[in-house]
Amino acid sequence: LAVYNAMDGGTELYAVSDTDVYDVSSAGAGTAKTLTVTDGKFQWDNFGDGTNNWLIMVNGVDTPKYWNGTAWVQVTGATSPAITGLPTTDIVNLCIYHNRIYFLENDSLSFWYMPAGAAGGAAT
């Protein structure tokens, strides 16, 4: 389960399977979001860039999933936000520290970070 913390203070809850992401914020059956998911073992965190609060989910197999409270983005080097400098499908874990997103690369000892205060950009 992943929690999204909205800018207005509200929260949303998302469950992940090996085939999709589901909004389970309210009672009853979850609502499928029709995202491309092949491995449901996601790591997640929340990050605010001053314009949006993002729920960021990564698993080292699929493209990262970013949710801003309105729309999902399956992040690549050509989306907005975009991540460049490494294959986005290789991002297996993340950490937020001092207003930066740090990503761990799958099957590697490498880590990458985004520019300060940015949800995307050139990974360093």
PDB file of N, CA and C in Angstrom:
ATOM      1  N   LEU A   1       0.837  -1.176   0.000  1.00  0.00           N
ATOM      2  CA  LEU A   1       0.000   0.000   0.000  1.00  0.00           C
ATOM      3  C   LEU A   1       0.879   1.235   0.000  1.00  0.00           C
ATOM      4  N   ALA A   2       0.478   2.230  -0.775  1.00  0.00           N
ATOM      5  CA  ALA A   2       1.212   3.489  -0.856  1.00  0.00           C
ATOM      6  C   ALA A   2       0.265   4.628  -0.500  1.00  0.00           C
ATOM      7  N   VAL A   3       0.755   5.601   0.259  1.00  0.00           N
ATOM      8  CA  VAL A   3      -0.045   6.743   0.688  1.00  0.00           C
ATOM      9  C   VAL A   3       0.401   7.978  -0.078  1.00  0.00           C
ATOM     10  N   TYR A   4      -0.570   8.709  -0.636  1.00  0.00           N
ATOM     11  CA  TYR A   4      -0.298   9.992  -1.285  1.00  0.00           C
ATOM     12  C   TYR A   4      -0.748  11.096  -0.341  1.00  0.00           C
ATOM     13  N   ASN A   5       0.141  12.042  -0.047  1.00  0.00           N
ATOM     14  CA  ASN A   5      -0.176  13.199   0.786  1.00  0.00           C
ATOM     15  C   ASN A   5      -0.356  14.410  -0.115  1.00  0.00           C
ATOM     16  N   ALA A   6      -1.607  14.862  -0.243  1.00  0.00           N
ATOM     17  CA  ALA A   6      -1.931  15.974  -1.139  1.00  0.00           C
ATOM     18  C   ALA A   6      -1.494  17.308  -0.544  1.00  0.00           C
ATOM     19  N   MET A   7      -1.366  18.324  -1.405  1.00  0.00           N
ATOM     20  CA  MET A   7      -0.972  19.655  -0.961  1.00  0.00           C
ATOM     21  C   MET A   7      -2.015  20.269  -0.035  1.00  0.00           C
ATOM     22  N   ASP A   8      -3.295  19.870  -0.190  1.00  0.00           N
ATOM     23  CA  ASP A   8      -4.361  20.411   0.654  1.00  0.00           C
ATOM     24  C   ASP A   8      -4.488  19.679   1.983  1.00  0.00           C
ATOM     25  N   GLY A   9      -3.596  18.727   2.255  1.00  0.00           N
ATOM     26  CA  GLY A   9      -3.614  17.985   3.501  1.00  0.00           C
ATOM     27  C   GLY A   9      -4.373  16.673   3.438  1.00  0.00           C
ATOM     28  N   GLY A  10      -5.079  16.417   2.352  1.00  0.00           N
ATOM     29  CA  GLY A  10      -5.793  15.157   2.192  1.00  0.00           C
ATOM     30  C   GLY A  10      -4.836  14.013   1.897  1.00  0.00           C
ATOM     31  N   THR A  11      -5.330  12.795   2.069  1.00  0.00           N
ATOM     32  CA  THR A  11      -4.525  11.620   1.756  1.00  0.00           C
ATOM     33  C   THR A  11      -5.316  10.666   0.874  1.00  0.00           C
ATOM     34  N   GLU A  12      -4.601   9.909   0.082  1.00  0.00           N
ATOM     35  CA  GLU A  12      -5.182   8.870  -0.760  1.00  0.00           C
ATOM     36  C   GLU A  12      -4.352   7.613  -0.558  1.00  0.00           C
ATOM     37  N   LEU A  13      -4.980   6.462  -0.742  1.00  0.00           N
ATOM     38  CA  LEU A  13      -4.324   5.183  -0.521  1.00  0.00           C
ATOM     39  C   LEU A  13      -4.378   4.368  -1.806  1.00  0.00           C
ATOM     40  N   TYR A  14      -3.225   3.807  -2.209  1.00  0.00           N
ATOM     41  CA  TYR A  14      -3.131   3.024  -3.440  1.00  0.00           C
ATOM     42  C   TYR A  14      -2.558   1.646  -3.143  1.00  0.00           C
ATOM     43  N   ALA A  15      -3.189   0.637  -3.734  1.00  0.00           N
ATOM     44  CA  ALA A  15      -2.714  -0.743  -3.647  1.00  0.00           C
ATOM     45  C   ALA A  15      -2.164  -1.130  -5.010  1.00  0.00           C
ATOM     46  N   VAL A  16      -1.154  -2.003  -5.019  1.00  0.00           N
ATOM     47  CA  VAL A  16      -0.514  -2.406  -6.269  1.00  0.00           C
ATOM     48  C   VAL A  16      -0.552  -3.921  -6.384  1.00  0.00           C
ATOM     49  N   SER A  17      -0.884  -4.394  -7.582  1.00  0.00           N
ATOM     50  CA  SER A  17      -0.806  -5.825  -7.887  1.00  0.00           C
ATOM     51  C   SER A  17       0.265  -6.010  -8.958  1.00  0.00           C
ATOM     52  N   ASP A  18       0.429  -7.212  -9.446  1.00  0.00           N
ATOM     53  CA  ASP A  18       1.385  -7.451 -10.531  1.00  0.00           C
ATOM     54  C   ASP A  18       0.854  -6.999 -11.883  1.00  0.00           C
ATOM     55  N   THR A  19      -0.352  -6.413 -11.914  1.00  0.00           N
ATOM     56  CA  THR A  19      -0.926  -5.973 -13.190  1.00  0.00           C
ATOM     57  C   THR A  19      -1.414  -4.534 -13.199  1.00  0.00           C
ATOM     58  N   ASP A  20      -1.628  -3.893 -12.037  1.00  0.00           N
ATOM     59  CA  ASP A  20      -2.174  -2.534 -12.043  1.00  0.00           C
ATOM     60  C   ASP A  20      -2.023  -1.875 -10.680  1.00  0.00           C
ATOM     61  N   VAL A  21      -2.386  -0.596 -10.630  1.00  0.00           N
ATOM     62  CA  VAL A  21      -2.451   0.193  -9.407  1.00  0.00           C
ATOM     63  C   VAL A  21      -3.926   0.503  -9.164  1.00  0.00           C
ATOM     64  N   TYR A  22      -4.360   0.419  -7.893  1.00  0.00           N
ATOM     65  CA  TYR A  22      -5.770   0.607  -7.557  1.00  0.00           C
ATOM     66  C   TYR A  22      -5.925   1.680  -6.492  1.00  0.00           C
ATOM     67  N   ASP A  23      -6.894   2.569  -6.688  1.00  0.00           N
ATOM     68  CA  ASP A  23      -7.255   3.549  -5.673  1.00  0.00           C
ATOM     69  C   ASP A  23      -8.143   2.844  -4.653  1.00  0.00           C
ATOM     70  N   VAL A  24      -7.651   2.718  -3.427  1.00  0.00           N
ATOM     71  CA  VAL A  24      -8.410   2.064  -2.357  1.00  0.00           C
ATOM     72  C   VAL A  24      -8.643   3.046  -1.207  1.00  0.00           C
ATOM     73  N   SER A  25      -8.825   4.323  -1.557  1.00  0.00           N
ATOM     74  CA  SER A  25      -9.001   5.376  -0.561  1.00  0.00           C
ATOM     75  C   SER A  25     -10.331   5.296   0.165  1.00  0.00           C
ATOM     76  N   SER A  26     -11.335   4.674  -0.442  1.00  0.00           N
ATOM     77  CA  SER A  26     -12.648   4.582   0.189  1.00  0.00           C
ATOM     78  C   SER A  26     -13.089   3.126   0.247  1.00  0.00           C
ATOM     79  N   ALA A  27     -14.142   2.880   1.008  1.00  0.00           N
ATOM     80  CA  ALA A  27     -14.658   1.520   1.179  1.00  0.00           C
ATOM     81  C   ALA A  27     -15.159   0.964  -0.149  1.00  0.00           C
ATOM     82  N   GLY A  28     -15.118  -0.341  -0.284  1.00  0.00           N
ATOM     83  CA  GLY A  28     -15.593  -0.992  -1.501  1.00  0.00           C
ATOM     84  C   GLY A  28     -14.441  -1.437  -2.370  1.00  0.00           C
ATOM     85  N   ALA A  29     -14.786  -1.852  -3.562  1.00  0.00           N
ATOM     86  CA  ALA A  29     -13.775  -2.337  -4.509  1.00  0.00           C
ATOM     87  C   ALA A  29     -12.868  -1.195  -4.951  1.00  0.00           C
ATOM     88  N   GLY A  30     -11.575  -1.485  -5.096  1.00  0.00           N
ATOM     89  CA  GLY A  30     -10.626  -0.492  -5.571  1.00  0.00           C
ATOM     90  C   GLY A  30     -10.852  -0.177  -7.039  1.00  0.00           C
ATOM     91  N   THR A  31     -10.471   1.036  -7.445  1.00  0.00           N
ATOM     92  CA  THR A  31     -10.613   1.475  -8.825  1.00  0.00           C
ATOM     93  C   THR A  31      -9.280   1.330  -9.538  1.00  0.00           C
ATOM     94  N   ALA A  32      -9.232   0.536 -10.612  1.00  0.00           N
ATOM     95  CA  ALA A  32      -7.997   0.334 -11.373  1.00  0.00           C
ATOM     96  C   ALA A  32      -7.615   1.616 -12.095  1.00  0.00           C
ATOM     97  N   LYS A  33      -6.325   1.909 -12.139  1.00  0.00           N
ATOM     98  CA  LYS A  33      -5.809   3.113 -12.797  1.00  0.00           C
ATOM     99  C   LYS A  33      -5.238   2.829 -14.181  1.00  0.00           C
ATOM    100  N   THR A  34      -5.266   1.595 -14.627  1.00  0.00           N
ATOM    101  CA  THR A  34      -4.792   1.144 -15.946  1.00  0.00           C
ATOM    102  C   THR A  34      -3.378   1.643 -16.271  1.00  0.00           C
ATOM    103  N   LEU A  35      -2.453   1.361 -15.371  1.00  0.00           N
ATOM    104  CA  LEU A  35      -1.041   1.652 -15.591  1.00  0.00           C
ATOM    105  C   LEU A  35      -0.333   0.376 -16.000  1.00  0.00           C
ATOM    106  N   THR A  36       0.796   0.513 -16.677  1.00  0.00           N
ATOM    107  CA  THR A  36       1.586  -0.649 -17.060  1.00  0.00           C
ATOM    108  C   THR A  36       2.390  -1.119 -15.858  1.00  0.00           C
ATOM    109  N   VAL A  37       2.016  -2.280 -15.322  1.00  0.00           N
ATOM    110  CA  VAL A  37       2.700  -2.860 -14.164  1.00  0.00           C
ATOM    111  C   VAL A  37       2.965  -4.326 -14.458  1.00  0.00           C
ATOM    112  N   THR A  38       4.231  -4.752 -14.282  1.00  0.00           N
ATOM    113  CA  THR A  38       4.565  -6.169 -14.458  1.00  0.00           C
ATOM    114  C   THR A  38       5.115  -6.793 -13.182  1.00  0.00           C
ATOM    115  N   ASP A  39       5.397  -5.962 -12.169  1.00  0.00           N
ATOM    116  CA  ASP A  39       5.894  -6.446 -10.883  1.00  0.00           C
ATOM    117  C   ASP A  39       5.330  -5.533  -9.802  1.00  0.00           C
ATOM    118  N   GLY A  40       4.532  -6.069  -8.905  1.00  0.00           N
ATOM    119  CA  GLY A  40       3.858  -5.262  -7.896  1.00  0.00           C
ATOM    120  C   GLY A  40       4.686  -4.908  -6.677  1.00  0.00           C
ATOM    121  N   LYS A  41       5.975  -5.219  -6.675  1.00  0.00           N
ATOM    122  CA  LYS A  41       6.828  -4.955  -5.509  1.00  0.00           C
ATOM    123  C   LYS A  41       7.443  -3.557  -5.612  1.00  0.00           C
ATOM    124  N   PHE A  42       6.634  -2.545  -5.349  1.00  0.00           N
ATOM    125  CA  PHE A  42       7.071  -1.156  -5.459  1.00  0.00           C
ATOM    126  C   PHE A  42       7.584  -0.621  -4.132  1.00  0.00           C
ATOM    127  N   GLN A  43       8.569   0.264  -4.216  1.00  0.00           N
ATOM    128  CA  GLN A  43       9.004   1.108  -3.114  1.00  0.00           C
ATOM    129  C   GLN A  43       8.443   2.489  -3.430  1.00  0.00           C
ATOM    130  N   TRP A  44       8.081   3.252  -2.425  1.00  0.00           N
ATOM    131  CA  TRP A  44       7.449   4.541  -2.697  1.00  0.00           C
ATOM    132  C   TRP A  44       7.835   5.580  -1.651  1.00  0.00           C
ATOM    133  N   ASP A  45       7.630   6.846  -2.025  1.00  0.00           N
ATOM    134  CA  ASP A  45       7.812   7.967  -1.115  1.00  0.00           C
ATOM    135  C   ASP A  45       7.052   9.154  -1.690  1.00  0.00           C
ATOM    136  N   ASN A  46       6.872  10.192  -0.886  1.00  0.00           N
ATOM    137  CA  ASN A  46       6.230  11.427  -1.322  1.00  0.00           C
ATOM    138  C   ASN A  46       7.276  12.521  -1.428  1.00  0.00           C
ATOM    139  N   PHE A  47       7.111  13.390  -2.435  1.00  0.00           N
ATOM    140  CA  PHE A  47       8.056  14.482  -2.658  1.00  0.00           C
ATOM    141  C   PHE A  47       7.290  15.699  -3.146  1.00  0.00           C
ATOM    142  N   GLY A  48       7.586  16.866  -2.569  1.00  0.00           N
ATOM    143  CA  GLY A  48       6.987  18.120  -3.015  1.00  0.00           C
ATOM    144  C   GLY A  48       8.016  18.978  -3.716  1.00  0.00           C
ATOM    145  N   ASP A  49       7.678  19.439  -4.930  1.00  0.00           N
ATOM    146  CA  ASP A  49       8.620  20.271  -5.691  1.00  0.00           C
ATOM    147  C   ASP A  49       8.218  21.745  -5.715  1.00  0.00           C
ATOM    148  N   GLY A  50       7.250  22.135  -4.886  1.00  0.00           N
ATOM    149  CA  GLY A  50       6.796  23.519  -4.853  1.00  0.00           C
ATOM    150  C   GLY A  50       5.567  23.760  -5.705  1.00  0.00           C
ATOM    151  N   THR A  51       5.364  22.948  -6.723  1.00  0.00           N
ATOM    152  CA  THR A  51       4.192  23.036  -7.588  1.00  0.00           C
ATOM    153  C   THR A  51       3.246  21.881  -7.324  1.00  0.00           C
ATOM    154  N   ASN A  52       3.784  20.689  -7.173  1.00  0.00           N
ATOM    155  CA  ASN A  52       3.005  19.473  -6.936  1.00  0.00           C
ATOM    156  C   ASN A  52       3.600  18.683  -5.786  1.00  0.00           C
ATOM    157  N   ASN A  53       2.746  17.949  -5.114  1.00  0.00           N
ATOM    158  CA  ASN A  53       3.212  16.860  -4.256  1.00  0.00           C
ATOM    159  C   ASN A  53       3.100  15.604  -5.091  1.00  0.00           C
ATOM    160  N   TRP A  54       4.139  14.790  -5.102  1.00  0.00           N
ATOM    161  CA  TRP A  54       4.177  13.581  -5.920  1.00  0.00           C
ATOM    162  C   TRP A  54       4.257  12.339  -5.046  1.00  0.00           C
ATOM    163  N   LEU A  55       3.451  11.347  -5.357  1.00  0.00           N
ATOM    164  CA  LEU A  55       3.670   9.987  -4.875  1.00  0.00           C
ATOM    165  C   LEU A  55       4.544   9.352  -5.942  1.00  0.00           C
ATOM    166  N   ILE A  56       5.734   8.896  -5.580  1.00  0.00           N
ATOM    167  CA  ILE A  56       6.672   8.309  -6.535  1.00  0.00           C
ATOM    168  C   ILE A  56       6.838   6.840  -6.175  1.00  0.00           C
ATOM    169  N   MET A  57       6.595   5.964  -7.159  1.00  0.00           N
ATOM    170  CA  MET A  57       6.690   4.517  -6.938  1.00  0.00           C
ATOM    171  C   MET A  57       7.647   3.913  -7.959  1.00  0.00           C
ATOM    172  N   VAL A  58       8.595   3.090  -7.482  1.00  0.00           N
ATOM    173  CA  VAL A  58       9.588   2.450  -8.352  1.00  0.00           C
ATOM    174  C   VAL A  58       9.723   0.981  -7.972  1.00  0.00           C
ATOM    175  N   ASN A  59      10.144   0.144  -8.946  1.00  0.00           N
ATOM    176  CA  ASN A  59      10.327  -1.282  -8.637  1.00  0.00           C
ATOM    177  C   ASN A  59      11.496  -1.941  -9.369  1.00  0.00           C
ATOM    178  N   GLY A  60      12.242  -1.211 -10.189  1.00  0.00           N
ATOM    179  CA  GLY A  60      13.387  -1.788 -10.884  1.00  0.00           C
ATOM    180  C   GLY A  60      13.042  -2.595 -12.117  1.00  0.00           C
ATOM    181  N   VAL A  61      11.766  -2.629 -12.487  1.00  0.00           N
ATOM    182  CA  VAL A  61      11.309  -3.366 -13.668  1.00  0.00           C
ATOM    183  C   VAL A  61      10.495  -2.453 -14.578  1.00  0.00           C
ATOM    184  N   ASP A  62       9.506  -1.781 -14.002  1.00  0.00           N
ATOM    185  CA  ASP A  62       8.624  -0.890 -14.755  1.00  0.00           C
ATOM    186  C   ASP A  62       9.141   0.545 -14.684  1.00  0.00           C
ATOM    187  N   THR A  63       8.601   1.410 -15.545  1.00  0.00           N
ATOM    188  CA  THR A  63       8.927   2.830 -15.438  1.00  0.00           C
ATOM    189  C   THR A  63       8.387   3.360 -14.112  1.00  0.00           C
ATOM    190  N   PRO A  64       9.059   4.341 -13.500  1.00  0.00           N
ATOM    191  CA  PRO A  64       8.537   4.921 -12.264  1.00  0.00           C
ATOM    192  C   PRO A  64       7.134   5.482 -12.480  1.00  0.00           C
ATOM    193  N   LYS A  65       6.303   5.367 -11.451  1.00  0.00           N
ATOM    194  CA  LYS A  65       4.940   5.894 -11.487  1.00  0.00           C
ATOM    195  C   LYS A  65       4.890   7.117 -10.581  1.00  0.00           C
ATOM    196  N   TYR A  66       4.510   8.270 -11.146  1.00  0.00           N
ATOM    197  CA  TYR A  66       4.366   9.511 -10.390  1.00  0.00           C
ATOM    198  C   TYR A  66       2.885   9.886 -10.383  1.00  0.00           C
ATOM    199  N   TRP A  67       2.349  10.216  -9.217  1.00  0.00           N
ATOM    200  CA  TRP A  67       0.960  10.662  -9.071  1.00  0.00           C
ATOM    201  C   TRP A  67       0.972  12.031  -8.404  1.00  0.00           C
ATOM    202  N   ASN A  68       0.286  13.010  -8.992  1.00  0.00           N
ATOM    203  CA  ASN A  68       0.247  14.361  -8.437  1.00  0.00           C
ATOM    204  C   ASN A  68      -1.118  14.742  -7.882  1.00  0.00           C
ATOM    205  N   GLY A  69      -1.996  13.768  -7.714  1.00  0.00           N
ATOM    206  CA  GLY A  69      -3.333  14.037  -7.216  1.00  0.00           C
ATOM    207  C   GLY A  69      -4.354  14.190  -8.317  1.00  0.00           C
ATOM    208  N   THR A  70      -3.880  14.353  -9.557  1.00  0.00           N
ATOM    209  CA  THR A  70      -4.759  14.523 -10.708  1.00  0.00           C
ATOM    210  C   THR A  70      -4.482  13.501 -11.793  1.00  0.00           C
ATOM    211  N   ALA A  71      -3.207  13.272 -12.085  1.00  0.00           N
ATOM    212  CA  ALA A  71      -2.842  12.389 -13.200  1.00  0.00           C
ATOM    213  C   ALA A  71      -1.617  11.555 -12.849  1.00  0.00           C
ATOM    214  N   TRP A  72      -1.590  10.335 -13.390  1.00  0.00           N
ATOM    215  CA  TRP A  72      -0.424   9.461 -13.279  1.00  0.00           C
ATOM    216  C   TRP A  72       0.509   9.729 -14.446  1.00  0.00           C
ATOM    217  N   VAL A  73       1.811   9.714 -14.184  1.00  0.00           N
ATOM    218  CA  VAL A  73       2.830   9.809 -15.224  1.00  0.00           C
ATOM    219  C   VAL A  73       3.712   8.576 -15.091  1.00  0.00           C
ATOM    220  N   GLN A  74       3.875   7.835 -16.184  1.00  0.00           N
ATOM    221  CA  GLN A  74       4.817   6.714 -16.223  1.00  0.00           C
ATOM    222  C   GLN A  74       6.117   7.294 -16.781  1.00  0.00           C
ATOM    223  N   VAL A  75       7.026   7.635 -15.889  1.00  0.00           N
ATOM    224  CA  VAL A  75       8.157   8.515 -16.181  1.00  0.00           C
ATOM    225  C   VAL A  75       9.216   7.839 -17.046  1.00  0.00           C
ATOM    226  N   THR A  76       9.612   8.548 -18.096  1.00  0.00           N
ATOM    227  CA  THR A  76      10.719   8.169 -18.977  1.00  0.00           C
ATOM    228  C   THR A  76      11.599   9.404 -19.156  1.00  0.00           C
ATOM    229  N   GLY A  77      12.494   9.351 -20.109  1.00  0.00           N
ATOM    230  CA  GLY A  77      13.311  10.511 -20.424  1.00  0.00           C
ATOM    231  C   GLY A  77      12.583  11.545 -21.258  1.00  0.00           C
ATOM    232  N   ALA A  78      11.343  11.245 -21.688  1.00  0.00           N
ATOM    233  CA  ALA A  78      10.602  12.149 -22.570  1.00  0.00           C
ATOM    234  C   ALA A  78       9.283  12.638 -21.977  1.00  0.00           C
ATOM    235  N   THR A  79       8.982  12.304 -20.729  1.00  0.00           N
ATOM    236  CA  THR A  79       7.725  12.730 -20.111  1.00  0.00           C
ATOM    237  C   THR A  79       7.946  13.999 -19.299  1.00  0.00           C
ATOM    238  N   SER A  80       6.892  14.510 -18.697  1.00  0.00           N
ATOM    239  CA  SER A  80       7.008  15.652 -17.797  1.00  0.00           C
ATOM    240  C   SER A  80       6.362  15.283 -16.464  1.00  0.00           C
ATOM    241  N   PRO A  81       7.137  15.127 -15.400  1.00  0.00           N
ATOM    242  CA  PRO A  81       8.586  15.263 -15.341  1.00  0.00           C
ATOM    243  C   PRO A  81       9.296  14.102 -16.038  1.00  0.00           C
ATOM    244  N   ALA A  82      10.539  14.345 -16.394  1.00  0.00           N
ATOM    245  CA  ALA A  82      11.375  13.335 -17.056  1.00  0.00           C
ATOM    246  C   ALA A  82      12.589  13.038 -16.181  1.00  0.00           C
ATOM    247  N   ILE A  83      13.122  11.841 -16.350  1.00  0.00           N
ATOM    248  CA  ILE A  83      14.385  11.471 -15.705  1.00  0.00           C
ATOM    249  C   ILE A  83      15.325  11.038 -16.813  1.00  0.00           C
ATOM    250  N   THR A  84      16.479  11.699 -16.897  1.00  0.00           N
ATOM    251  CA  THR A  84      17.467  11.353 -17.914  1.00  0.00           C
ATOM    252  C   THR A  84      18.772  10.955 -17.229  1.00  0.00           C
ATOM    253  N   GLY A  85      19.598  10.227 -17.957  1.00  0.00           N
ATOM    254  CA  GLY A  85      20.906   9.838 -17.443  1.00  0.00           C
ATOM    255  C   GLY A  85      21.003   8.385 -17.043  1.00  0.00           C
ATOM    256  N   LEU A  86      19.867   7.700 -16.919  1.00  0.00           N
ATOM    257  CA  LEU A  86      19.858   6.269 -16.637  1.00  0.00           C
ATOM    258  C   LEU A  86      18.526   5.712 -17.121  1.00  0.00           C
ATOM    259  N   PRO A  87      18.483   4.419 -17.436  1.00  0.00           N
ATOM    260  CA  PRO A  87      17.201   3.827 -17.832  1.00  0.00           C
ATOM    261  C   PRO A  87      16.233   3.863 -16.643  1.00  0.00           C
ATOM    262  N   THR A  88      15.081   4.488 -16.816  1.00  0.00           N
ATOM    263  CA  THR A  88      14.151   4.626 -15.690  1.00  0.00           C
ATOM    264  C   THR A  88      13.647   3.279 -15.187  1.00  0.00           C
ATOM    265  N   THR A  89      13.645   2.266 -16.027  1.00  0.00           N
ATOM    266  CA  THR A  89      13.202   0.938 -15.582  1.00  0.00           C
ATOM    267  C   THR A  89      14.214   0.283 -14.643  1.00  0.00           C
ATOM    268  N   ASP A  90      15.408   0.852 -14.505  1.00  0.00           N
ATOM    269  CA  ASP A  90      16.427   0.315 -13.596  1.00  0.00           C
ATOM    270  C   ASP A  90      16.337   0.893 -12.184  1.00  0.00           C
ATOM    271  N   ILE A  91      15.423   1.838 -11.945  1.00  0.00           N
ATOM    272  CA  ILE A  91      15.315   2.461 -10.624  1.00  0.00           C
ATOM    273  C   ILE A  91      14.540   1.526  -9.700  1.00  0.00           C
ATOM    274  N   VAL A  92      15.224   0.998  -8.677  1.00  0.00           N
ATOM    275  CA  VAL A  92      14.623  -0.024  -7.813  1.00  0.00           C
ATOM    276  C   VAL A  92      14.207   0.511  -6.437  1.00  0.00           C
ATOM    277  N   ASN A  93      14.763   1.632  -6.002  1.00  0.00           N
ATOM    278  CA  ASN A  93      14.413   2.180  -4.698  1.00  0.00           C
ATOM    279  C   ASN A  93      14.666   3.679  -4.714  1.00  0.00           C
ATOM    280  N   LEU A  94      14.115   4.381  -3.738  1.00  0.00           N
ATOM    281  CA  LEU A  94      14.291   5.824  -3.668  1.00  0.00           C
ATOM    282  C   LEU A  94      14.321   6.282  -2.227  1.00  0.00           C
ATOM    283  N   CYS A  95      14.871   7.479  -2.040  1.00  0.00           N
ATOM    284  CA  CYS A  95      14.963   8.100  -0.726  1.00  0.00           C
ATOM    285  C   CYS A  95      14.896   9.611  -0.935  1.00  0.00           C
ATOM    286  N   ILE A  96      14.197  10.305  -0.061  1.00  0.00           N
ATOM    287  CA  ILE A  96      14.145  11.766  -0.105  1.00  0.00           C
ATOM    288  C   ILE A  96      15.021  12.278   1.036  1.00  0.00           C
ATOM    289  N   TYR A  97      15.970  13.164   0.707  1.00  0.00           N
ATOM    290  CA  TYR A  97      16.865  13.704   1.724  1.00  0.00           C
ATOM    291  C   TYR A  97      17.296  15.100   1.310  1.00  0.00           C
ATOM    292  N   HIS A  98      17.141  16.062   2.203  1.00  0.00           N
ATOM    293  CA  HIS A  98      17.527  17.452   1.951  1.00  0.00           C
ATOM    294  C   HIS A  98      16.966  17.970   0.628  1.00  0.00           C
ATOM    295  N   ASN A  99      15.675  17.734   0.416  1.00  0.00           N
ATOM    296  CA  ASN A  99      14.949  18.240  -0.752  1.00  0.00           C
ATOM    297  C   ASN A  99      15.476  17.699  -2.080  1.00  0.00           C
ATOM    298  N   ARG A 100      16.050  16.512  -2.057  1.00  0.00           N
ATOM    299  CA  ARG A 100      16.478  15.815  -3.273  1.00  0.00           C
ATOM    300  C   ARG A 100      15.917  14.402  -3.271  1.00  0.00           C
ATOM    301  N   ILE A 101      15.659  13.897  -4.473  1.00  0.00           N
ATOM    302  CA  ILE A 101      15.270  12.500  -4.629  1.00  0.00           C
ATOM    303  C   ILE A 101      16.521  11.719  -5.006  1.00  0.00           C
ATOM    304  N   TYR A 102      16.804  10.686  -4.241  1.00  0.00           N
ATOM    305  CA  TYR A 102      17.909   9.777  -4.537  1.00  0.00           C
ATOM    306  C   TYR A 102      17.319   8.465  -5.027  1.00  0.00           C
ATOM    307  N   PHE A 103      17.869   7.948  -6.128  1.00  0.00           N
ATOM    308  CA  PHE A 103      17.409   6.688  -6.697  1.00  0.00           C
ATOM    309  C   PHE A 103      18.520   5.652  -6.618  1.00  0.00           C
ATOM    310  N   LEU A 104      18.159   4.417  -6.309  1.00  0.00           N
ATOM    311  CA  LEU A 104      19.100   3.301  -6.354  1.00  0.00           C
ATOM    312  C   LEU A 104      18.870   2.532  -7.636  1.00  0.00           C
ATOM    313  N   GLU A 105      19.969   2.158  -8.291  1.00  0.00           N
ATOM    314  CA  GLU A 105      19.895   1.426  -9.556  1.00  0.00           C
ATOM    315  C   GLU A 105      19.883  -0.078  -9.297  1.00  0.00           C
ATOM    316  N   ASN A 106      19.020  -0.785  -9.998  1.00  0.00           N
ATOM    317  CA  ASN A 106      18.870  -2.232  -9.861  1.00  0.00           C
ATOM    318  C   ASN A 106      20.161  -2.958 -10.252  1.00  0.00           C
ATOM    319  N   ASP A 107      20.526  -4.006  -9.506  1.00  0.00           N
ATOM    320  CA  ASP A 107      21.701  -4.846  -9.784  1.00  0.00           C
ATOM    321  C   ASP A 107      22.980  -4.026  -9.927  1.00  0.00           C
ATOM    322  N   SER A 108      23.144  -3.026  -9.068  1.00  0.00           N
ATOM    323  CA  SER A 108      24.288  -2.135  -9.164  1.00  0.00           C
ATOM    324  C   SER A 108      24.580  -1.551  -7.784  1.00  0.00           C
ATOM    325  N   LEU A 109      25.772  -1.027  -7.603  1.00  0.00           N
ATOM    326  CA  LEU A 109      26.103  -0.284  -6.398  1.00  0.00           C
ATOM    327  C   LEU A 109      25.951   1.214  -6.622  1.00  0.00           C
ATOM    328  N   SER A 110      25.365   1.598  -7.752  1.00  0.00           N
ATOM    329  CA  SER A 110      25.219   3.011  -8.112  1.00  0.00           C
ATOM    330  C   SER A 110      23.949   3.619  -7.535  1.00  0.00           C
ATOM    331  N   PHE A 111      24.033   4.898  -7.191  1.00  0.00           N
ATOM    332  CA  PHE A 111      22.837   5.667  -6.869  1.00  0.00           C
ATOM    333  C   PHE A 111      22.906   6.976  -7.642  1.00  0.00           C
ATOM    334  N   TRP A 112      21.747   7.571  -7.851  1.00  0.00           N
ATOM    335  CA  TRP A 112      21.608   8.783  -8.645  1.00  0.00           C
ATOM    336  C   TRP A 112      20.742   9.765  -7.869  1.00  0.00           C
ATOM    337  N   TYR A 113      20.892  11.064  -8.157  1.00  0.00           N
ATOM    338  CA  TYR A 113      20.025  12.030  -7.489  1.00  0.00           C
ATOM    339  C   TYR A 113      19.553  13.082  -8.479  1.00  0.00           C
ATOM    340  N   MET A 114      18.402  13.658  -8.152  1.00  0.00           N
ATOM    341  CA  MET A 114      17.786  14.701  -8.961  1.00  0.00           C
ATOM    342  C   MET A 114      18.288  16.064  -8.488  1.00  0.00           C
ATOM    343  N   PRO A 115      18.143  17.093  -9.328  1.00  0.00           N
ATOM    344  CA  PRO A 115      18.471  18.444  -8.868  1.00  0.00           C
ATOM    345  C   PRO A 115      17.639  18.802  -7.629  1.00  0.00           C
ATOM    346  N   ALA A 116      18.165  19.659  -6.778  1.00  0.00           N
ATOM    347  CA  ALA A 116      17.460  20.052  -5.557  1.00  0.00           C
ATOM    348  C   ALA A 116      16.091  20.625  -5.892  1.00  0.00           C
ATOM    349  N   GLY A 117      15.065  20.148  -5.190  1.00  0.00           N
ATOM    350  CA  GLY A 117      13.711  20.658  -5.358  1.00  0.00           C
ATOM    351  C   GLY A 117      13.006  20.224  -6.618  1.00  0.00           C
ATOM    352  N   ALA A 118      13.573  19.286  -7.368  1.00  0.00           N
ATOM    353  CA  ALA A 118      12.996  18.877  -8.653  1.00  0.00           C
ATOM    354  C   ALA A 118      12.565  17.417  -8.621  1.00  0.00           C
ATOM    355  N   ALA A 119      11.385  17.152  -9.201  1.00  0.00           N
ATOM    356  CA  ALA A 119      10.874  15.780  -9.296  1.00  0.00           C
ATOM    357  C   ALA A 119      11.479  15.034 -10.476  1.00  0.00           C
ATOM    358  N   GLY A 120      12.125  15.739 -11.369  1.00  0.00           N
ATOM    359  CA  GLY A 120      12.756  15.123 -12.528  1.00  0.00           C
ATOM    360  C   GLY A 120      13.962  15.931 -12.948  1.00  0.00           C
ATOM    361  N   GLY A 121      14.587  15.498 -14.030  1.00  0.00           N
ATOM    362  CA  GLY A 121      15.751  16.194 -14.547  1.00  0.00           C
ATOM    363  C   GLY A 121      16.859  15.217 -14.868  1.00  0.00           C
ATOM    364  N   ALA A 122      18.057  15.756 -15.012  1.00  0.00           N
ATOM    365  CA  ALA A 122      19.222  14.927 -15.317  1.00  0.00           C
ATOM    366  C   ALA A 122      19.715  14.268 -14.038  1.00  0.00           C
ATOM    367  N   ALA A 123      19.727  12.942 -14.029  1.00  0.00           N
ATOM    368  CA  ALA A 123      20.219  12.198 -12.871  1.00  0.00           C
ATOM    369  C   ALA A 123      21.732  12.320 -12.804  1.00  0.00           C
ATOM    370  N   THR A 124      22.233  12.644 -11.629  1.00  0.00           N
ATOM    371  CA  THR A 124      23.673  12.799 -11.413  1.00  0.00           C
ATOM    372  C   THR A 124      24.172  11.652 -10.567  1.00  0.00           C
TER     373      THR A 124
END
